[in-house]
Amino acid sequence: APGKEREFVAAMSRSGGTFTYADSIKGRF
C-alpha cells in the first residue's frame, strides 16, 4: 500500500496441497 512496506498475503506449495494466508485476509481471499 502507499507509504507502507510490502507485506505477505498468501502462499501455496508447488503441488498446491499446502497453503497459508495472512490473518488480515483469512476467510476472504
mmCIF file of all heavy atoms, coordinates in Angstrom:
data_MODEL
# 
_entry.id   MODEL 
# 
loop_
_atom_site.group_PDB 
_atom_site.id 
_atom_site.type_symbol 
_atom_site.label_atom_id 
_atom_site.label_alt_id 
_atom_site.label_comp_id 
_atom_site.label_asym_id 
_atom_site.label_entity_id 
_atom_site.label_seq_id 
_atom_site.pdbx_PDB_ins_code 
_atom_site.Cartn_x 
_atom_site.Cartn_y 
_atom_site.Cartn_z 
_atom_site.occupancy 
_atom_site.B_iso_or_equiv 
_atom_site.pdbx_formal_charge 
_atom_site.auth_seq_id 
_atom_site.auth_comp_id 
_atom_site.auth_asym_id 
_atom_site.auth_atom_id 
_atom_site.pdbx_PDB_model_num 
ATOM 1   N N   . ALA A 1 1  ? 0.845   -1.186  0.000  1.00 0.00 ? 1  ALA A N   1 
ATOM 2   C CA  . ALA A 1 1  ? 0.000   0.000   0.000  1.00 0.00 ? 1  ALA A CA  1 
ATOM 3   C C   . ALA A 1 1  ? 0.888   1.247   0.000  1.00 0.00 ? 1  ALA A C   1 
ATOM 4   O O   . ALA A 1 1  ? 2.052   1.182   0.421  1.00 0.00 ? 1  ALA A O   1 
ATOM 5   C CB  . ALA A 1 1  ? -0.905  -0.007  1.220  1.00 0.00 ? 1  ALA A CB  1 
ATOM 6   N N   . PRO A 1 2  ? 0.355   2.370   -0.444 1.00 0.00 ? 2  PRO A N   1 
ATOM 7   C CA  . PRO A 1 2  ? 1.152   3.609   -0.476 1.00 0.00 ? 2  PRO A CA  1 
ATOM 8   C C   . PRO A 1 2  ? 1.722   3.947   0.893  1.00 0.00 ? 2  PRO A C   1 
ATOM 9   O O   . PRO A 1 2  ? 1.003   3.943   1.895  1.00 0.00 ? 2  PRO A O   1 
ATOM 10  C CB  . PRO A 1 2  ? 0.139   4.659   -0.925 1.00 0.00 ? 2  PRO A CB  1 
ATOM 11  C CG  . PRO A 1 2  ? -0.883  3.898   -1.698 1.00 0.00 ? 2  PRO A CG  1 
ATOM 12  C CD  . PRO A 1 2  ? -0.982  2.566   -1.015 1.00 0.00 ? 2  PRO A CD  1 
ATOM 13  N N   . GLY A 1 3  ? 3.018   4.207   0.916  1.00 0.00 ? 3  GLY A N   1 
ATOM 14  C CA  . GLY A 1 3  ? 3.666   4.592   2.162  1.00 0.00 ? 3  GLY A CA  1 
ATOM 15  C C   . GLY A 1 3  ? 3.930   3.458   3.129  1.00 0.00 ? 3  GLY A C   1 
ATOM 16  O O   . GLY A 1 3  ? 4.392   3.687   4.246  1.00 0.00 ? 3  GLY A O   1 
ATOM 17  N N   . LYS A 1 4  ? 3.632   2.229   2.705  1.00 0.00 ? 4  LYS A N   1 
ATOM 18  C CA  . LYS A 1 4  ? 3.825   1.082   3.598  1.00 0.00 ? 4  LYS A CA  1 
ATOM 19  C C   . LYS A 1 4  ? 4.785   0.070   2.980  1.00 0.00 ? 4  LYS A C   1 
ATOM 20  O O   . LYS A 1 4  ? 5.036   0.083   1.778  1.00 0.00 ? 4  LYS A O   1 
ATOM 21  C CB  . LYS A 1 4  ? 2.483   0.415   3.896  1.00 0.00 ? 4  LYS A CB  1 
ATOM 22  C CG  . LYS A 1 4  ? 1.518   1.293   4.679  1.00 0.00 ? 4  LYS A CG  1 
ATOM 23  C CD  . LYS A 1 4  ? 0.296   0.517   5.086  1.00 0.00 ? 4  LYS A CD  1 
ATOM 24  C CE  . LYS A 1 4  ? -0.645  1.365   5.942  1.00 0.00 ? 4  LYS A CE  1 
ATOM 25  N NZ  . LYS A 1 4  ? -1.851  0.613   6.366  1.00 0.00 ? 4  LYS A NZ  1 
ATOM 26  N N   . GLU A 1 5  ? 5.284   -0.816  3.823  1.00 0.00 ? 5  GLU A N   1 
ATOM 27  C CA  . GLU A 1 5  ? 6.169   -1.857  3.335  1.00 0.00 ? 5  GLU A CA  1 
ATOM 28  C C   . GLU A 1 5  ? 5.362   -2.966  2.653  1.00 0.00 ? 5  GLU A C   1 
ATOM 29  O O   . GLU A 1 5  ? 4.177   -3.158  2.926  1.00 0.00 ? 5  GLU A O   1 
ATOM 30  C CB  . GLU A 1 5  ? 6.979   -2.443  4.491  1.00 0.00 ? 5  GLU A CB  1 
ATOM 31  C CG  . GLU A 1 5  ? 7.943   -1.464  5.124  1.00 0.00 ? 5  GLU A CG  1 
ATOM 32  C CD  . GLU A 1 5  ? 8.813   -2.122  6.180  1.00 0.00 ? 5  GLU A CD  1 
ATOM 33  O OE1 . GLU A 1 5  ? 8.529   -3.270  6.562  1.00 0.00 ? 5  GLU A OE1 1 
ATOM 34  O OE2 . GLU A 1 5  ? 9.787   -1.483  6.621  1.00 0.00 ? 5  GLU A OE2 1 
ATOM 35  N N   . ARG A 1 6  ? 6.035   -3.687  1.790  1.00 0.00 ? 6  ARG A N   1 
ATOM 36  C CA  . ARG A 1 6  ? 5.408   -4.834  1.142  1.00 0.00 ? 6  ARG A CA  1 
ATOM 37  C C   . ARG A 1 6  ? 5.109   -5.900  2.202  1.00 0.00 ? 6  ARG A C   1 
ATOM 38  O O   . ARG A 1 6  ? 5.941   -6.171  3.074  1.00 0.00 ? 6  ARG A O   1 
ATOM 39  C CB  . ARG A 1 6  ? 6.318   -5.396  0.061  1.00 0.00 ? 6  ARG A CB  1 
ATOM 40  C CG  . ARG A 1 6  ? 5.654   -6.397  -0.856 1.00 0.00 ? 6  ARG A CG  1 
ATOM 41  C CD  . ARG A 1 6  ? 6.546   -6.728  -2.056 1.00 0.00 ? 6  ARG A CD  1 
ATOM 42  N NE  . ARG A 1 6  ? 6.827   -5.541  -2.861 1.00 0.00 ? 6  ARG A NE  1 
ATOM 43  C CZ  . ARG A 1 6  ? 7.430   -5.589  -4.044 1.00 0.00 ? 6  ARG A CZ  1 
ATOM 44  N NH1 . ARG A 1 6  ? 7.775   -6.758  -4.576 1.00 0.00 ? 6  ARG A NH1 1 
ATOM 45  N NH2 . ARG A 1 6  ? 7.662   -4.476  -4.707 1.00 0.00 ? 6  ARG A NH2 1 
ATOM 46  N N   . GLU A 1 7  ? 3.921   -6.495  2.103  1.00 0.00 ? 7  GLU A N   1 
ATOM 47  C CA  . GLU A 1 7  ? 3.538   -7.474  3.115  1.00 0.00 ? 7  GLU A CA  1 
ATOM 48  C C   . GLU A 1 7  ? 3.011   -8.751  2.472  1.00 0.00 ? 7  GLU A C   1 
ATOM 49  O O   . GLU A 1 7  ? 2.476   -8.744  1.357  1.00 0.00 ? 7  GLU A O   1 
ATOM 50  C CB  . GLU A 1 7  ? 2.463   -6.892  4.044  1.00 0.00 ? 7  GLU A CB  1 
ATOM 51  C CG  . GLU A 1 7  ? 1.148   -6.573  3.369  1.00 0.00 ? 7  GLU A CG  1 
ATOM 52  C CD  . GLU A 1 7  ? 0.081   -6.106  4.358  1.00 0.00 ? 7  GLU A CD  1 
ATOM 53  O OE1 . GLU A 1 7  ? 0.384   -5.941  5.546  1.00 0.00 ? 7  GLU A OE1 1 
ATOM 54  O OE2 . GLU A 1 7  ? -1.067  -5.921  3.910  1.00 0.00 ? 7  GLU A OE2 1 
ATOM 55  N N   . PHE A 1 8  ? 3.134   -9.812  3.214  1.00 0.00 ? 8  PHE A N   1 
ATOM 56  C CA  . PHE A 1 8  ? 2.682   -11.126 2.781  1.00 0.00 ? 8  PHE A CA  1 
ATOM 57  C C   . PHE A 1 8  ? 1.157   -11.185 2.743  1.00 0.00 ? 8  PHE A C   1 
ATOM 58  O O   . PHE A 1 8  ? 0.485   -10.654 3.621  1.00 0.00 ? 8  PHE A O   1 
ATOM 59  C CB  . PHE A 1 8  ? 3.215   -12.185 3.742  1.00 0.00 ? 8  PHE A CB  1 
ATOM 60  C CG  . PHE A 1 8  ? 2.622   -13.545 3.546  1.00 0.00 ? 8  PHE A CG  1 
ATOM 61  C CD1 . PHE A 1 8  ? 3.023   -14.338 2.489  1.00 0.00 ? 8  PHE A CD1 1 
ATOM 62  C CD2 . PHE A 1 8  ? 1.658   -14.024 4.418  1.00 0.00 ? 8  PHE A CD2 1 
ATOM 63  C CE1 . PHE A 1 8  ? 2.471   -15.595 2.304  1.00 0.00 ? 8  PHE A CE1 1 
ATOM 64  C CE2 . PHE A 1 8  ? 1.101   -15.275 4.255  1.00 0.00 ? 8  PHE A CE2 1 
ATOM 65  C CZ  . PHE A 1 8  ? 1.515   -16.066 3.185  1.00 0.00 ? 8  PHE A CZ  1 
ATOM 66  N N   . VAL A 1 9  ? 0.629   -11.862 1.716  1.00 0.00 ? 9  VAL A N   1 
ATOM 67  C CA  . VAL A 1 9  ? -0.812  -12.066 1.601  1.00 0.00 ? 9  VAL A CA  1 
ATOM 68  C C   . VAL A 1 9  ? -1.143  -13.561 1.651  1.00 0.00 ? 9  VAL A C   1 
ATOM 69  O O   . VAL A 1 9  ? -1.937  -13.999 2.476  1.00 0.00 ? 9  VAL A O   1 
ATOM 70  C CB  . VAL A 1 9  ? -1.357  -11.451 0.297  1.00 0.00 ? 9  VAL A CB  1 
ATOM 71  C CG1 . VAL A 1 9  ? -2.839  -11.795 0.123  1.00 0.00 ? 9  VAL A CG1 1 
ATOM 72  C CG2 . VAL A 1 9  ? -1.149  -9.945  0.275  1.00 0.00 ? 9  VAL A CG2 1 
ATOM 73  N N   . ALA A 1 10 ? -0.546  -14.327 0.737  1.00 0.00 ? 10 ALA A N   1 
ATOM 74  C CA  . ALA A 1 10 ? -0.882  -15.755 0.657  1.00 0.00 ? 10 ALA A CA  1 
ATOM 75  C C   . ALA A 1 10 ? 0.249   -16.496 -0.031 1.00 0.00 ? 10 ALA A C   1 
ATOM 76  O O   . ALA A 1 10 ? 1.007   -15.900 -0.810 1.00 0.00 ? 10 ALA A O   1 
ATOM 77  C CB  . ALA A 1 10 ? -2.179  -15.964 -0.106 1.00 0.00 ? 10 ALA A CB  1 
ATOM 78  N N   . ALA A 1 11 ? 0.361   -17.795 0.243  1.00 0.00 ? 11 ALA A N   1 
ATOM 79  C CA  . ALA A 1 11 ? 1.384   -18.607 -0.393 1.00 0.00 ? 11 ALA A CA  1 
ATOM 80  C C   . ALA A 1 11 ? 0.874   -20.022 -0.590 1.00 0.00 ? 11 ALA A C   1 
ATOM 81  O O   . ALA A 1 11 ? 0.023   -20.502 0.167  1.00 0.00 ? 11 ALA A O   1 
ATOM 82  C CB  . ALA A 1 11 ? 2.659   -18.625 0.453  1.00 0.00 ? 11 ALA A CB  1 
ATOM 83  N N   . MET A 1 12 ? 1.415   -20.671 -1.610 1.00 0.00 ? 12 MET A N   1 
ATOM 84  C CA  . MET A 1 12 ? 0.995   -22.030 -1.940 1.00 0.00 ? 12 MET A CA  1 
ATOM 85  C C   . MET A 1 12 ? 2.213   -22.848 -2.354 1.00 0.00 ? 12 MET A C   1 
ATOM 86  O O   . MET A 1 12 ? 3.115   -22.335 -2.999 1.00 0.00 ? 12 MET A O   1 
ATOM 87  C CB  . MET A 1 12 ? -0.057  -21.996 -3.048 1.00 0.00 ? 12 MET A CB  1 
ATOM 88  C CG  . MET A 1 12 ? -0.541  -23.334 -3.550 1.00 0.00 ? 12 MET A CG  1 
ATOM 89  S SD  . MET A 1 12 ? -2.059  -23.211 -4.500 1.00 0.00 ? 12 MET A SD  1 
ATOM 90  C CE  . MET A 1 12 ? -3.274  -23.299 -3.183 1.00 0.00 ? 12 MET A CE  1 
ATOM 91  N N   . SER A 1 13 ? 2.196   -24.122 -2.018 1.00 0.00 ? 13 SER A N   1 
ATOM 92  C CA  . SER A 1 13 ? 3.296   -25.014 -2.355 1.00 0.00 ? 13 SER A CA  1 
ATOM 93  C C   . SER A 1 13 ? 3.287   -25.380 -3.835 1.00 0.00 ? 13 SER A C   1 
ATOM 94  O O   . SER A 1 13 ? 2.348   -25.066 -4.568 1.00 0.00 ? 13 SER A O   1 
ATOM 95  C CB  . SER A 1 13 ? 3.193   -26.284 -1.513 1.00 0.00 ? 13 SER A CB  1 
ATOM 96  O OG  . SER A 1 13 ? 1.969   -26.961 -1.807 1.00 0.00 ? 13 SER A OG  1 
ATOM 97  N N   . ARG A 1 14 ? 4.326   -26.077 -4.253 1.00 0.00 ? 14 ARG A N   1 
ATOM 98  C CA  . ARG A 1 14 ? 4.448   -26.492 -5.652 1.00 0.00 ? 14 ARG A CA  1 
ATOM 99  C C   . ARG A 1 14 ? 3.231   -27.266 -6.125 1.00 0.00 ? 14 ARG A C   1 
ATOM 100 O O   . ARG A 1 14 ? 2.733   -27.059 -7.222 1.00 0.00 ? 14 ARG A O   1 
ATOM 101 C CB  . ARG A 1 14 ? 5.685   -27.375 -5.809 1.00 0.00 ? 14 ARG A CB  1 
ATOM 102 C CG  . ARG A 1 14 ? 7.001   -26.690 -5.660 1.00 0.00 ? 14 ARG A CG  1 
ATOM 103 C CD  . ARG A 1 14 ? 8.136   -27.715 -5.691 1.00 0.00 ? 14 ARG A CD  1 
ATOM 104 N NE  . ARG A 1 14 ? 8.084   -28.539 -6.892 1.00 0.00 ? 14 ARG A NE  1 
ATOM 105 C CZ  . ARG A 1 14 ? 8.820   -29.629 -7.075 1.00 0.00 ? 14 ARG A CZ  1 
ATOM 106 N NH1 . ARG A 1 14 ? 9.658   -30.019 -6.125 1.00 0.00 ? 14 ARG A NH1 1 
ATOM 107 N NH2 . ARG A 1 14 ? 8.742   -30.317 -8.185 1.00 0.00 ? 14 ARG A NH2 1 
ATOM 108 N N   . SER A 1 15 ? 2.794   -28.176 -5.318 1.00 0.00 ? 15 SER A N   1 
ATOM 109 C CA  . SER A 1 15 ? 1.677   -29.042 -5.713 1.00 0.00 ? 15 SER A CA  1 
ATOM 110 C C   . SER A 1 15 ? 0.320   -28.400 -5.507 1.00 0.00 ? 15 SER A C   1 
ATOM 111 O O   . SER A 1 15 ? -0.687  -28.864 -6.051 1.00 0.00 ? 15 SER A O   1 
ATOM 112 C CB  . SER A 1 15 ? 1.730   -30.332 -4.900 1.00 0.00 ? 15 SER A CB  1 
ATOM 113 O OG  . SER A 1 15 ? 1.500   -30.048 -3.533 1.00 0.00 ? 15 SER A OG  1 
ATOM 114 N N   . GLY A 1 16 ? 0.277   -27.355 -4.714 1.00 0.00 ? 16 GLY A N   1 
ATOM 115 C CA  . GLY A 1 16 ? -1.000  -26.735 -4.374 1.00 0.00 ? 16 GLY A CA  1 
ATOM 116 C C   . GLY A 1 16 ? -1.648  -27.329 -3.149 1.00 0.00 ? 16 GLY A C   1 
ATOM 117 O O   . GLY A 1 16 ? -2.696  -26.863 -2.704 1.00 0.00 ? 16 GLY A O   1 
ATOM 118 N N   . GLY A 1 17 ? -1.020  -28.339 -2.567 1.00 0.00 ? 17 GLY A N   1 
ATOM 119 C CA  . GLY A 1 17 ? -1.633  -29.007 -1.439 1.00 0.00 ? 17 GLY A CA  1 
ATOM 120 C C   . GLY A 1 17 ? -1.441  -28.319 -0.107 1.00 0.00 ? 17 GLY A C   1 
ATOM 121 O O   . GLY A 1 17 ? -2.132  -28.637 0.874  1.00 0.00 ? 17 GLY A O   1 
ATOM 122 N N   . THR A 1 18 ? -0.528  -27.388 -0.053 1.00 0.00 ? 18 THR A N   1 
ATOM 123 C CA  . THR A 1 18 ? -0.255  -26.653 1.184  1.00 0.00 ? 18 THR A CA  1 
ATOM 124 C C   . THR A 1 18 ? -0.358  -25.166 0.911  1.00 0.00 ? 18 THR A C   1 
ATOM 125 O O   . THR A 1 18 ? 0.137   -24.683 -0.116 1.00 0.00 ? 18 THR A O   1 
ATOM 126 C CB  . THR A 1 18 ? 1.159   -26.969 1.712  1.00 0.00 ? 18 THR A CB  1 
ATOM 127 O OG1 . THR A 1 18 ? 1.340   -28.384 1.772  1.00 0.00 ? 18 THR A OG1 1 
ATOM 128 C CG2 . THR A 1 18 ? 1.368   -26.371 3.084  1.00 0.00 ? 18 THR A CG2 1 
ATOM 129 N N   . PHE A 1 19 ? -0.996  -24.437 1.816  1.00 0.00 ? 19 PHE A N   1 
ATOM 130 C CA  . PHE A 1 19 ? -1.153  -23.009 1.606  1.00 0.00 ? 19 PHE A CA  1 
ATOM 131 C C   . PHE A 1 19 ? -1.297  -22.322 2.957  1.00 0.00 ? 19 PHE A C   1 
ATOM 132 O O   . PHE A 1 19 ? -1.585  -22.951 3.980  1.00 0.00 ? 19 PHE A O   1 
ATOM 133 C CB  . PHE A 1 19 ? -2.349  -22.695 0.703  1.00 0.00 ? 19 PHE A CB  1 
ATOM 134 C CG  . PHE A 1 19 ? -3.586  -23.463 1.049  1.00 0.00 ? 19 PHE A CG  1 
ATOM 135 C CD1 . PHE A 1 19 ? -4.461  -23.005 2.020  1.00 0.00 ? 19 PHE A CD1 1 
ATOM 136 C CD2 . PHE A 1 19 ? -3.863  -24.668 0.412  1.00 0.00 ? 19 PHE A CD2 1 
ATOM 137 C CE1 . PHE A 1 19 ? -5.597  -23.721 2.352  1.00 0.00 ? 19 PHE A CE1 1 
ATOM 138 C CE2 . PHE A 1 19 ? -4.999  -25.397 0.725  1.00 0.00 ? 19 PHE A CE2 1 
ATOM 139 C CZ  . PHE A 1 19 ? -5.871  -24.924 1.707  1.00 0.00 ? 19 PHE A CZ  1 
ATOM 140 N N   . THR A 1 20 ? -1.080  -21.016 2.926  1.00 0.00 ? 20 THR A N   1 
ATOM 141 C CA  . THR A 1 20 ? -1.185  -20.217 4.141  1.00 0.00 ? 20 THR A CA  1 
ATOM 142 C C   . THR A 1 20 ? -1.600  -18.803 3.771  1.00 0.00 ? 20 THR A C   1 
ATOM 143 O O   . THR A 1 20 ? -1.370  -18.353 2.634  1.00 0.00 ? 20 THR A O   1 
ATOM 144 C CB  . THR A 1 20 ? 0.150   -20.217 4.906  1.00 0.00 ? 20 THR A CB  1 
ATOM 145 O OG1 . THR A 1 20 ? 0.001   -19.517 6.138  1.00 0.00 ? 20 THR A OG1 1 
ATOM 146 C CG2 . THR A 1 20 ? 1.258   -19.550 4.095  1.00 0.00 ? 20 THR A CG2 1 
ATOM 147 N N   . TYR A 1 21 ? -2.210  -18.114 4.733  1.00 0.00 ? 21 TYR A N   1 
ATOM 148 C CA  . TYR A 1 21 ? -2.723  -16.774 4.496  1.00 0.00 ? 21 TYR A CA  1 
ATOM 149 C C   . TYR A 1 21 ? -2.320  -15.834 5.624  1.00 0.00 ? 21 TYR A C   1 
ATOM 150 O O   . TYR A 1 21 ? -2.139  -16.250 6.771  1.00 0.00 ? 21 TYR A O   1 
ATOM 151 C CB  . TYR A 1 21 ? -4.247  -16.782 4.423  1.00 0.00 ? 21 TYR A CB  1 
ATOM 152 C CG  . TYR A 1 21 ? -4.811  -17.595 3.285  1.00 0.00 ? 21 TYR A CG  1 
ATOM 153 C CD1 . TYR A 1 21 ? -5.257  -18.905 3.494  1.00 0.00 ? 21 TYR A CD1 1 
ATOM 154 C CD2 . TYR A 1 21 ? -4.895  -17.064 1.999  1.00 0.00 ? 21 TYR A CD2 1 
ATOM 155 C CE1 . TYR A 1 21 ? -5.775  -19.656 2.446  1.00 0.00 ? 21 TYR A CE1 1 
ATOM 156 C CE2 . TYR A 1 21 ? -5.418  -17.806 0.956  1.00 0.00 ? 21 TYR A CE2 1 
ATOM 157 C CZ  . TYR A 1 21 ? -5.853  -19.102 1.181  1.00 0.00 ? 21 TYR A CZ  1 
ATOM 158 O OH  . TYR A 1 21 ? -6.367  -19.843 0.151  1.00 0.00 ? 21 TYR A OH  1 
ATOM 159 N N   . ALA A 1 22 ? -2.232  -14.560 5.286  1.00 0.00 ? 22 ALA A N   1 
ATOM 160 C CA  . ALA A 1 22 ? -2.093  -13.534 6.313  1.00 0.00 ? 22 ALA A CA  1 
ATOM 161 C C   . ALA A 1 22 ? -3.405  -13.453 7.090  1.00 0.00 ? 22 ALA A C   1 
ATOM 162 O O   . ALA A 1 22 ? -4.489  -13.648 6.531  1.00 0.00 ? 22 ALA A O   1 
ATOM 163 C CB  . ALA A 1 22 ? -1.777  -12.186 5.675  1.00 0.00 ? 22 ALA A CB  1 
ATOM 164 N N   . ASP A 1 23 ? -3.304  -13.148 8.356  1.00 0.00 ? 23 ASP A N   1 
ATOM 165 C CA  . ASP A 1 23 ? -4.504  -13.069 9.198  1.00 0.00 ? 23 ASP A CA  1 
ATOM 166 C C   . ASP A 1 23 ? -5.485  -12.017 8.689  1.00 0.00 ? 23 ASP A C   1 
ATOM 167 O O   . ASP A 1 23 ? -6.702  -12.180 8.804  1.00 0.00 ? 23 ASP A O   1 
ATOM 168 C CB  . ASP A 1 23 ? -4.103  -12.748 10.633 1.00 0.00 ? 23 ASP A CB  1 
ATOM 169 C CG  . ASP A 1 23 ? -3.440  -13.922 11.325 1.00 0.00 ? 23 ASP A CG  1 
ATOM 170 O OD1 . ASP A 1 23 ? -3.577  -15.065 10.829 1.00 0.00 ? 23 ASP A OD1 1 
ATOM 171 O OD2 . ASP A 1 23 ? -2.784  -13.706 12.358 1.00 0.00 ? 23 ASP A OD2 1 
ATOM 172 N N   . SER A 1 24 ? -4.972  -10.946 8.120  1.00 0.00 ? 24 SER A N   1 
ATOM 173 C CA  . SER A 1 24 ? -5.816  -9.829  7.703  1.00 0.00 ? 24 SER A CA  1 
ATOM 174 C C   . SER A 1 24 ? -6.765  -10.183 6.568  1.00 0.00 ? 24 SER A C   1 
ATOM 175 O O   . SER A 1 24 ? -7.780  -9.505  6.364  1.00 0.00 ? 24 SER A O   1 
ATOM 176 C CB  . SER A 1 24 ? -4.955  -8.638  7.298  1.00 0.00 ? 24 SER A CB  1 
ATOM 177 O OG  . SER A 1 24 ? -4.118  -8.994  6.207  1.00 0.00 ? 24 SER A OG  1 
ATOM 178 N N   . ILE A 1 25 ? -6.461  -11.209 5.813  1.00 0.00 ? 25 ILE A N   1 
ATOM 179 C CA  . ILE A 1 25 ? -7.293  -11.575 4.666  1.00 0.00 ? 25 ILE A CA  1 
ATOM 180 C C   . ILE A 1 25 ? -7.872  -12.977 4.782  1.00 0.00 ? 25 ILE A C   1 
ATOM 181 O O   . ILE A 1 25 ? -8.603  -13.412 3.887  1.00 0.00 ? 25 ILE A O   1 
ATOM 182 C CB  . ILE A 1 25 ? -6.522  -11.417 3.348  1.00 0.00 ? 25 ILE A CB  1 
ATOM 183 C CG1 . ILE A 1 25 ? -5.237  -12.273 3.339  1.00 0.00 ? 25 ILE A CG1 1 
ATOM 184 C CG2 . ILE A 1 25 ? -6.171  -9.962  3.105  1.00 0.00 ? 25 ILE A CG2 1 
ATOM 185 C CD1 . ILE A 1 25 ? -5.409  -13.688 2.887  1.00 0.00 ? 25 ILE A CD1 1 
ATOM 186 N N   . LYS A 1 26 ? -7.569  -13.668 5.831  1.00 0.00 ? 26 LYS A N   1 
ATOM 187 C CA  . LYS A 1 26 ? -8.038  -15.038 6.003  1.00 0.00 ? 26 LYS A CA  1 
ATOM 188 C C   . LYS A 1 26 ? -9.563  -15.083 5.990  1.00 0.00 ? 26 LYS A C   1 
ATOM 189 O O   . LYS A 1 26 ? -10.230 -14.273 6.639  1.00 0.00 ? 26 LYS A O   1 
ATOM 190 C CB  . LYS A 1 26 ? -7.496  -15.611 7.314  1.00 0.00 ? 26 LYS A CB  1 
ATOM 191 C CG  . LYS A 1 26 ? -7.541  -17.120 7.404  1.00 0.00 ? 26 LYS A CG  1 
ATOM 192 C CD  . LYS A 1 26 ? -6.822  -17.594 8.654  1.00 0.00 ? 26 LYS A CD  1 
ATOM 193 C CE  . LYS A 1 26 ? -5.345  -17.330 8.592  1.00 0.00 ? 26 LYS A CE  1 
ATOM 194 N NZ  . LYS A 1 26 ? -4.619  -17.856 9.767  1.00 0.00 ? 26 LYS A NZ  1 
ATOM 195 N N   . GLY A 1 27 ? -10.097 -16.017 5.203  1.00 0.00 ? 27 GLY A N   1 
ATOM 196 C CA  . GLY A 1 27 ? -11.542 -16.152 5.078  1.00 0.00 ? 27 GLY A CA  1 
ATOM 197 C C   . GLY A 1 27 ? -12.139 -15.319 3.961  1.00 0.00 ? 27 GLY A C   1 
ATOM 198 O O   . GLY A 1 27 ? -13.305 -15.496 3.602  1.00 0.00 ? 27 GLY A O   1 
ATOM 199 N N   . ARG A 1 28 ? -11.346 -14.400 3.408  1.00 0.00 ? 28 ARG A N   1 
ATOM 200 C CA  . ARG A 1 28 ? -11.841 -13.550 2.309  1.00 0.00 ? 28 ARG A CA  1 
ATOM 201 C C   . ARG A 1 28 ? -11.104 -13.815 0.996  1.00 0.00 ? 28 ARG A C   1 
ATOM 202 O O   . ARG A 1 28 ? -11.685 -13.680 -0.076 1.00 0.00 ? 28 ARG A O   1 
ATOM 203 C CB  . ARG A 1 28 ? -11.695 -12.070 2.679  1.00 0.00 ? 28 ARG A CB  1 
ATOM 204 C CG  . ARG A 1 28 ? -12.458 -11.665 3.933  1.00 0.00 ? 28 ARG A CG  1 
ATOM 205 C CD  . ARG A 1 28 ? -12.436 -10.159 4.119  1.00 0.00 ? 28 ARG A CD  1 
ATOM 206 N NE  . ARG A 1 28 ? -11.093 -9.644  4.375  1.00 0.00 ? 28 ARG A NE  1 
ATOM 207 C CZ  . ARG A 1 28 ? -10.473 -8.755  3.595  1.00 0.00 ? 28 ARG A CZ  1 
ATOM 208 N NH1 . ARG A 1 28 ? -11.072 -8.288  2.516  1.00 0.00 ? 28 ARG A NH1 1 
ATOM 209 N NH2 . ARG A 1 28 ? -9.260  -8.311  3.918  1.00 0.00 ? 28 ARG A NH2 1 
ATOM 210 N N   . PHE A 1 29 ? -9.835  -14.172 1.079  1.00 0.00 ? 29 PHE A N   1 
ATOM 211 C CA  . PHE A 1 29 ? -9.023  -14.419 -0.110 1.00 0.00 ? 29 PHE A CA  1 
ATOM 212 C C   . PHE A 1 29 ? -8.721  -15.917 -0.231 1.00 0.00 ? 29 PHE A C   1 
ATOM 213 O O   . PHE A 1 29 ? -8.575  -16.614 0.779  1.00 0.00 ? 29 PHE A O   1 
ATOM 214 C CB  . PHE A 1 29 ? -7.697  -13.678 -0.021 1.00 0.00 ? 29 PHE A CB  1 
ATOM 215 C CG  . PHE A 1 29 ? -7.784  -12.179 -0.114 1.00 0.00 ? 29 PHE A CG  1 
ATOM 216 C CD1 . PHE A 1 29 ? -9.003  -11.502 -0.052 1.00 0.00 ? 29 PHE A CD1 1 
ATOM 217 C CD2 . PHE A 1 29 ? -6.624  -11.422 -0.267 1.00 0.00 ? 29 PHE A CD2 1 
ATOM 218 C CE1 . PHE A 1 29 ? -9.074  -10.125 -0.135 1.00 0.00 ? 29 PHE A CE1 1 
ATOM 219 C CE2 . PHE A 1 29 ? -6.666  -10.045 -0.361 1.00 0.00 ? 29 PHE A CE2 1 
ATOM 220 C CZ  . PHE A 1 29 ? -7.890  -9.397  -0.277 1.00 0.00 ? 29 PHE A CZ  1 
# 
